[in-house]
C-alpha atoms as a PDB file:
ATOM      1  CA  MET A   1      -9.133 -16.414  14.439  1.00  0.00           C
ATOM      2  CA  ASN A   2      -5.705 -17.720  13.526  1.00  0.00           C
ATOM      3  CA  ARG A   3      -4.774 -19.156  16.942  1.00  0.00           C
ATOM      4  CA  ARG A   4      -1.125 -19.752  16.091  1.00  0.00           C
ATOM      5  CA  LEU A   5      -0.712 -16.106  15.095  1.00  0.00           C
ATOM      6  CA  ALA A   6      -2.576 -14.967  18.209  1.00  0.00           C
ATOM      7  CA  LEU A   7      -0.259 -16.992  20.459  1.00  0.00           C
ATOM      8  CA  ALA A   8       2.825 -15.758  18.591  1.00  0.00           C
ATOM      9  CA  ALA A   9       1.590 -12.169  18.947  1.00  0.00           C
ATOM     10  CA  LEU A  10       1.043 -12.590  22.672  1.00  0.00           C
ATOM     11  CA  LEU A  11       4.563 -13.942  23.153  1.00  0.00           C
ATOM     12  CA  ALA A  12       6.066 -11.256  20.921  1.00  0.00           C
ATOM     13  CA  ILE A  13       4.427  -8.454  22.917  1.00  0.00           C
ATOM     14  CA  SER A  14       6.474  -9.324  26.024  1.00  0.00           C
ATOM     15  CA  ALA A  15       9.682  -9.667  24.021  1.00  0.00           C
ATOM     16  CA  LEU A  16       9.124  -6.376  22.210  1.00  0.00           C
ATOM     17  CA  ALA A  17       8.319  -4.563  25.462  1.00  0.00           C
ATOM     18  CA  GLY A  18      11.665  -5.738  26.792  1.00  0.00           C
ATOM     19  CA  LEU A  19      13.393  -4.637  23.587  1.00  0.00           C
ATOM     20  CA  PHE A  20      11.892  -1.137  23.723  1.00  0.00           C
ATOM     21  CA  ARG A  21      12.923  -0.809  27.385  1.00  0.00           C
ATOM     22  CA  LEU A  22      16.450  -1.996  26.571  1.00  0.00           C
ATOM     23  CA  LEU A  23      16.742   0.395  23.633  1.00  0.00           C
ATOM     24  CA  GLY A  24      15.528   3.233  25.835  1.00  0.00           C
ATOM     25  CA  GLN A  25      18.316   2.529  28.326  1.00  0.00           C
ATOM     26  CA  GLY A  26      20.991   2.103  25.673  1.00  0.00           C
ATOM     27  CA  GLY A  27      23.240   4.720  24.157  1.00  0.00           C
ATOM     28  CA  LEU A  28      21.040   5.477  21.149  1.00  0.00           C
ATOM     29  CA  ARG A  29      19.211   8.775  20.792  1.00  0.00           C
ATOM     30  CA  PRO A  30      15.570   8.326  21.864  1.00  0.00           C
ATOM     31  CA  LEU A  31      14.167   8.678  18.345  1.00  0.00           C
ATOM     32  CA  ASP A  32      16.741   6.260  16.893  1.00  0.00           C
ATOM     33  CA  GLY A  33      16.028   3.671  19.590  1.00  0.00           C
ATOM     34  CA  TYR A  34      12.295   4.006  19.026  1.00  0.00           C
ATOM     35  CA  LEU A  35      12.699   3.476  15.278  1.00  0.00           C
ATOM     36  CA  VAL A  36      14.912   0.422  15.816  1.00  0.00           C
ATOM     37  CA  GLY A  37      12.234  -1.111  18.036  1.00  0.00           C
ATOM     38  CA  LEU A  38       9.546  -0.379  15.467  1.00  0.00           C
ATOM     39  CA  ALA A  39      11.698  -1.816  12.686  1.00  0.00           C
ATOM     40  CA  VAL A  40      11.974  -5.132  14.561  1.00  0.00           C
ATOM     41  CA  TYR A  41       8.192  -5.129  15.089  1.00  0.00           C
ATOM     42  CA  TRP A  42       7.556  -4.402  11.405  1.00  0.00           C
ATOM     43  CA  ALA A  43       9.914  -7.184  10.352  1.00  0.00           C
ATOM     44  CA  LEU A  44       7.969  -9.632  12.531  1.00  0.00           C
ATOM     45  CA  LEU A  45       4.661  -8.450  11.058  1.00  0.00           C
ATOM     46  CA  ALA A  46       6.019  -8.758   7.511  1.00  0.00           C
ATOM     47  CA  LEU A  47       7.293 -12.273   8.252  1.00  0.00           C
ATOM     48  CA  ALA A  48       3.918 -13.302   9.681  1.00  0.00           C
ATOM     49  CA  LEU A  49       2.093 -11.882   6.666  1.00  0.00           C
ATOM     50  CA  ARG A  50       4.441 -13.635   4.270  1.00  0.00           C
ATOM     51  CA  ARG A  51       3.906 -16.968   6.007  1.00  0.00           C
ATOM     52  CA  CYS A  52       0.121 -16.455   5.883  1.00  0.00           C
ATOM     53  CA  GLY A  53       0.115 -15.467   2.232  1.00  0.00           C
ATOM     54  CA  GLY A  54      -0.463 -11.771   2.945  1.00  0.00           C
ATOM     55  CA  TRP A  55      -3.772 -10.009   3.292  1.00  0.00           C
ATOM     56  CA  SER A  56      -5.760  -7.783   0.989  1.00  0.00           C
ATOM     57  CA  LEU A  57      -4.974  -4.102   1.391  1.00  0.00           C
ATOM     58  CA  ARG A  58      -7.106  -3.130  -1.577  1.00  0.00           C
ATOM     59  CA  PRO A  59      -8.753   0.128  -0.459  1.00  0.00           C
ATOM     60  CA  ARG A  60     -12.490  -0.468  -0.642  1.00  0.00           C
ATOM     61  CA  ARG A  61     -14.662   2.244   0.854  1.00  0.00           C
ATOM     62  CA  PRO A  62     -16.397   1.176   4.061  1.00  0.00           C
ATOM     63  CA  SER A  63     -19.939   2.209   4.957  1.00  0.00           C
ATOM     64  CA  PRO A  64     -20.617   5.984   5.130  1.00  0.00           C
ATOM     65  CA  PRO A  65     -20.732   6.113   8.972  1.00  0.00           C
ATOM     66  CA  VAL A  66     -17.424   4.240   9.219  1.00  0.00           C
ATOM     67  CA  THR A  67     -15.852   6.443   6.532  1.00  0.00           C
ATOM     68  CA  LEU A  68     -16.944   9.533   8.465  1.00  0.00           C
ATOM     69  CA  ALA A  69     -15.491   8.104  11.673  1.00  0.00           C
ATOM     70  CA  LEU A  70     -12.138   7.415   9.975  1.00  0.00           C
ATOM     71  CA  VAL A  71     -12.025  10.963   8.595  1.00  0.00           C
ATOM     72  CA  ALA A  72     -12.750  12.293  12.091  1.00  0.00           C
ATOM     73  CA  LEU A  73      -9.909  10.228  13.571  1.00  0.00           C
ATOM     74  CA  VAL A  74      -7.437  11.571  11.023  1.00  0.00           C
ATOM     75  CA  ALA A  75      -8.654  15.155  11.584  1.00  0.00           C
ATOM     76  CA  ALA A  76      -8.309  14.763  15.362  1.00  0.00           C
ATOM     77  CA  ALA A  77      -4.735  13.470  14.967  1.00  0.00           C
ATOM     78  CA  ALA A  78      -3.898  16.403  12.675  1.00  0.00           C
ATOM     79  CA  LEU A  79      -5.294  18.885  15.188  1.00  0.00           C
ATOM     80  CA  TRP A  80      -3.398  17.233  18.022  1.00  0.00           C
ATOM     81  CA  SER A  81      -0.090  17.404  16.155  1.00  0.00           C
ATOM     82  CA  GLY A  82      -0.523  21.110  15.391  1.00  0.00           C
ATOM     83  CA  ASP A  83       2.546  22.478  13.654  1.00  0.00           C
ATOM     84  CA  ALA A  84       4.760  19.507  14.598  1.00  0.00           C
ATOM     85  CA  PRO A  85       5.222  18.280  10.989  1.00  0.00           C
ATOM     86  CA  ALA A  86       6.338  21.748   9.883  1.00  0.00           C
ATOM     87  CA  ARG A  87       8.898  21.924  12.705  1.00  0.00           C
ATOM     88  CA  LEU A  88      10.700  18.746  11.690  1.00  0.00           C
ATOM     89  CA  SER A  89      13.742  18.712   9.455  1.00  0.00           C
ATOM     90  CA  PRO A  90      13.209  17.205   5.981  1.00  0.00           C
ATOM     91  CA  HIS A  91      15.031  13.958   6.767  1.00  0.00           C
ATOM     92  CA  VAL A  92      13.124  13.434  10.036  1.00  0.00           C
ATOM     93  CA  LEU A  93       9.841  14.237   8.274  1.00  0.00           C
ATOM     94  CA  ALA A  94      10.678  11.652   5.579  1.00  0.00           C
ATOM     95  CA  ALA A  95      11.441   9.073   8.275  1.00  0.00           C
ATOM     96  CA  VAL A  96       8.135   9.881   9.984  1.00  0.00           C
ATOM     97  CA  ALA A  97       6.209   9.482   6.720  1.00  0.00           C
ATOM     98  CA  LEU A  98       7.911   6.162   5.930  1.00  0.00           C
ATOM     99  CA  ALA A  99       7.330   4.898   9.470  1.00  0.00           C
ATOM    100  CA  ALA A 100       3.661   5.881   9.296  1.00  0.00           C
ATOM    101  CA  LEU A 101       3.187   4.109   5.968  1.00  0.00           C
ATOM    102  CA  LEU A 102       4.913   0.928   7.110  1.00  0.00           C
ATOM    103  CA  ASN A 103       3.150   0.849  10.452  1.00  0.00           C
ATOM    104  CA  GLY A 104      -0.312   1.546   9.060  1.00  0.00           C
ATOM    105  CA  THR A 105      -0.165  -1.037   6.282  1.00  0.00           C
ATOM    106  CA  LEU A 106       1.593  -3.805   8.224  1.00  0.00           C
ATOM    107  CA  GLU A 107      -0.581  -3.422  11.312  1.00  0.00           C
ATOM    108  CA  GLU A 108      -3.818  -3.463   9.360  1.00  0.00           C
ATOM    109  CA  GLY A 109      -2.655  -6.402   7.266  1.00  0.00           C
ATOM    110  CA  PHE A 110      -1.853  -8.342  10.433  1.00  0.00           C
ATOM    111  CA  TRP A 111      -4.217  -7.233  13.236  1.00  0.00           C
ATOM    112  CA  ARG A 112      -7.300  -6.737  11.043  1.00  0.00           C
ATOM    113  CA  GLY A 113      -6.346  -9.185   8.305  1.00  0.00           C
ATOM    114  CA  ALA A 114      -4.249 -12.318   8.756  1.00  0.00           C
ATOM    115  CA  LEU A 115      -5.100 -12.639  12.456  1.00  0.00           C
ATOM    116  CA  ILE A 116      -8.837 -12.816  11.735  1.00  0.00           C
ATOM    117  CA  PRO A 117      -9.440 -14.352   8.291  1.00  0.00           C
ATOM    118  CA  ARG A 118     -13.039 -15.086   9.380  1.00  0.00           C
ATOM    119  CA  PRO A 119     -13.844 -12.346  11.887  1.00  0.00           C
ATOM    120  CA  GLY A 120     -16.515 -13.708  14.220  1.00  0.00           C
ATOM    121  CA  LEU A 121     -17.415 -11.604  17.240  1.00  0.00           C
ATOM    122  CA  GLY A 122     -15.048 -13.410  19.602  1.00  0.00           C
ATOM    123  CA  ALA A 123     -12.181 -13.097  17.141  1.00  0.00           C
ATOM    124  CA  GLN A 124     -12.899  -9.387  16.701  1.00  0.00           C
ATOM    125  CA  VAL A 125     -12.817  -8.735  20.439  1.00  0.00           C
ATOM    126  CA  LEU A 126      -9.616 -10.724  20.941  1.00  0.00           C
ATOM    127  CA  ALA A 127      -7.901  -9.054  17.975  1.00  0.00           C
ATOM    128  CA  VAL A 128      -8.773  -5.603  19.334  1.00  0.00           C
ATOM    129  CA  ALA A 129      -7.550  -6.601  22.818  1.00  0.00           C
ATOM    130  CA  LEU A 130      -4.233  -7.920  21.472  1.00  0.00           C
ATOM    131  CA  PHE A 131      -3.745  -4.807  19.351  1.00  0.00           C
ATOM    132  CA  VAL A 132      -4.272  -2.560  22.377  1.00  0.00           C
ATOM    133  CA  LEU A 133      -2.030  -4.763  24.549  1.00  0.00           C
ATOM    134  CA  TRP A 134       0.744  -4.587  21.939  1.00  0.00           C
ATOM    135  CA  HIS A 135       0.960  -0.842  22.505  1.00  0.00           C
ATOM    136  CA  LEU A 136       2.490  -1.468  25.935  1.00  0.00           C
ATOM    137  CA  ALA A 137       5.728  -2.249  24.064  1.00  0.00           C
ATOM    138  CA  PRO A 138       6.210   1.006  22.103  1.00  0.00           C
ATOM    139  CA  ALA A 139       4.870   2.968  25.082  1.00  0.00           C
ATOM    140  CA  MET A 140       8.128   2.042  26.836  1.00  0.00           C
ATOM    141  CA  GLY A 141      10.093   3.850  24.136  1.00  0.00           C
ATOM    142  CA  ALA A 142       7.651   6.725  23.686  1.00  0.00           C
ATOM    143  CA  ALA A 143       7.850   7.611  27.379  1.00  0.00           C
ATOM    144  CA  ARG A 144      11.567   8.331  26.970  1.00  0.00           C
ATOM    145  CA  LEU A 145      11.111   9.961  23.577  1.00  0.00           C
ATOM    146  CA  SER A 146       8.491  12.525  24.562  1.00  0.00           C
ATOM    147  CA  GLY A 147       7.962  12.193  28.295  1.00  0.00           C
ATOM    148  CA  GLN A 148       4.406  11.029  27.690  1.00  0.00           C
ATOM    149  CA  ASP A 149       2.409   8.896  30.080  1.00  0.00           C
ATOM    150  CA  PRO A 150       2.383   5.384  28.564  1.00  0.00           C
ATOM    151  CA  ALA A 151      -1.327   5.150  29.384  1.00  0.00           C
ATOM    152  CA  SER A 152      -2.070   7.761  26.717  1.00  0.00           C
ATOM    153  CA  MET A 153      -0.697   5.496  23.966  1.00  0.00           C
ATOM    154  CA  ILE A 154      -2.766   2.582  25.266  1.00  0.00           C
ATOM    155  CA  ALA A 155      -5.861   4.795  25.391  1.00  0.00           C
ATOM    156  CA  GLY A 156      -5.222   5.988  21.841  1.00  0.00           C
ATOM    157  CA  ALA A 157      -4.953   2.411  20.564  1.00  0.00           C
ATOM    158  CA  ALA A 158      -8.171   1.517  22.384  1.00  0.00           C
ATOM    159  CA  LEU A 159      -9.849   4.518  20.767  1.00  0.00           C
ATOM    160  CA  ILE A 160      -8.928   3.770  17.158  1.00  0.00           C
ATOM    161  CA  ALA A 161      -9.065  -0.046  17.204  1.00  0.00           C
ATOM    162  CA  PRO A 162     -12.882  -0.418  17.051  1.00  0.00           C
ATOM    163  CA  PHE A 163     -13.117   2.009  14.127  1.00  0.00           C
ATOM    164  CA  LEU A 164     -10.375   0.199  12.217  1.00  0.00           C
ATOM    165  CA  MET A 165     -12.117  -3.097  12.897  1.00  0.00           C
ATOM    166  CA  ALA A 166     -15.389  -1.589  11.647  1.00  0.00           C
ATOM    167  CA  ALA A 167     -13.608  -0.534   8.452  1.00  0.00           C
ATOM    168  CA  ARG A 168     -12.350  -4.093   7.956  1.00  0.00           C
ATOM    169  CA  LEU A 169     -15.808  -5.562   8.524  1.00  0.00           C
ATOM    170  CA  SER A 170     -17.765  -3.131   6.370  1.00  0.00           C
ATOM    171  CA  SER A 171     -15.306  -3.087   3.446  1.00  0.00           C
ATOM    172  CA  GLY A 172     -14.090  -6.699   3.511  1.00  0.00           C
ATOM    173  CA  THR A 173     -10.432  -5.681   3.269  1.00  0.00           C
ATOM    174  CA  ALA A 174      -7.840  -3.962   5.436  1.00  0.00           C
ATOM    175  CA  GLY A 175      -7.199  -1.242   2.820  1.00  0.00           C
ATOM    176  CA  ALA A 176      -9.353   1.643   4.050  1.00  0.00           C
ATOM    177  CA  GLY A 177      -8.180   1.065   7.609  1.00  0.00           C
ATOM    178  CA  ALA A 178      -4.571   1.048   6.424  1.00  0.00           C
ATOM    179  CA  VAL A 179      -4.973   4.449   4.745  1.00  0.00           C
ATOM    180  CA  ALA A 180      -6.581   5.989   7.835  1.00  0.00           C
ATOM    181  CA  HIS A 181      -4.111   4.286  10.162  1.00  0.00           C
ATOM    182  CA  ALA A 182      -1.117   5.538   8.190  1.00  0.00           C
ATOM    183  CA  LEU A 183      -2.448   9.108   8.215  1.00  0.00           C
ATOM    184  CA  VAL A 184      -3.146   9.015  11.962  1.00  0.00           C
ATOM    185  CA  ASN A 185       0.323   7.563  12.519  1.00  0.00           C
ATOM    186  CA  PHE A 186       1.907  10.312  10.445  1.00  0.00           C
ATOM    187  CA  PHE A 187       0.550  13.039  12.703  1.00  0.00           C
ATOM    188  CA  VAL A 188       1.177  11.098  15.913  1.00  0.00           C
ATOM    189  CA  PHE A 189       4.728  10.143  14.935  1.00  0.00           C
ATOM    190  CA  ALA A 190       5.410  13.747  13.915  1.00  0.00           C
ATOM    191  CA  GLY A 191       4.225  14.881  17.330  1.00  0.00           C
ATOM    192  CA  LEU A 192       6.428  12.313  19.050  1.00  0.00           C
ATOM    193  CA  ALA A 193       9.440  13.321  16.946  1.00  0.00           C
ATOM    194  CA  ALA A 194       8.793  16.968  17.797  1.00  0.00           C
ATOM    195  CA  GLY A 195       8.657  16.100  21.496  1.00  0.00           C
ATOM    196  CA  LYS A 196       4.970  16.510  22.227  1.00  0.00           C
ATOM    197  CA  GLY A 197       4.006  15.078  25.599  1.00  0.00           C
ATOM    198  CA  ALA A 198       1.075  12.902  24.609  1.00  0.00           C
ATOM    199  CA  ALA A 199       0.190  10.575  21.809  1.00  0.00           C
ATOM    200  CA  LEU A 200      -2.522   8.378  20.438  1.00  0.00           C
END
C-alpha cells in the first residue's frame, strides 16, 4: 500500500466531510452544493493520480464470477433508480452522466489503483475500509439533497467495494471496475438528483 496516499486520504476525509457540511448549510441549492463538494474531491483524486503517474484504466475483463457480480450491481442500481433518469431535465441528466463518469474513473484509479500498487491482503482490507469511510463526507451533502439516511450511502459503499476490489485483482487493472462504478453512479446520482430518499 502507498502509505503516504493512505495518510493523505485519511486526512482529506475529515476535511471533505466538513466541506460537504458547510456547503449544505450555505446558500447554494442542494444539488449545486453537492456537485461543488464532489468537484473538490475529484480534483484531489486527479492531483494524487498525477503525482503517482496515474493508474491503468484499461478495461480488461475480470473472471466470469466477478463479471457477473458487476453486472448484477449495475442492474440493481438501475432497478433502484426506476424512472429517475427519465424525469430529469436534459442539462441535469448530462451533469449526472458527467459526474458518474468522473467519479467512477477517478475513484477506481485511486482507491483500487494508485493506493494499492501491490495489493496484498492487508492493503486490500485497508483500501476498502478507507473507501467506505470516505463516503461519510458526501453523505453529509446527500442527506440534505434527498433526505436520505447517511447510513444508506455508507452501506452502499460497503456493498460495492469488495466487488470492485475483486475486479481489480482478477483483471490486473482498474478498468472493468471503473466501467461498472460509473454505471452504478449514473443510476444512483440520477436518483439523488430526482430526490429519491435512499442511495447506494
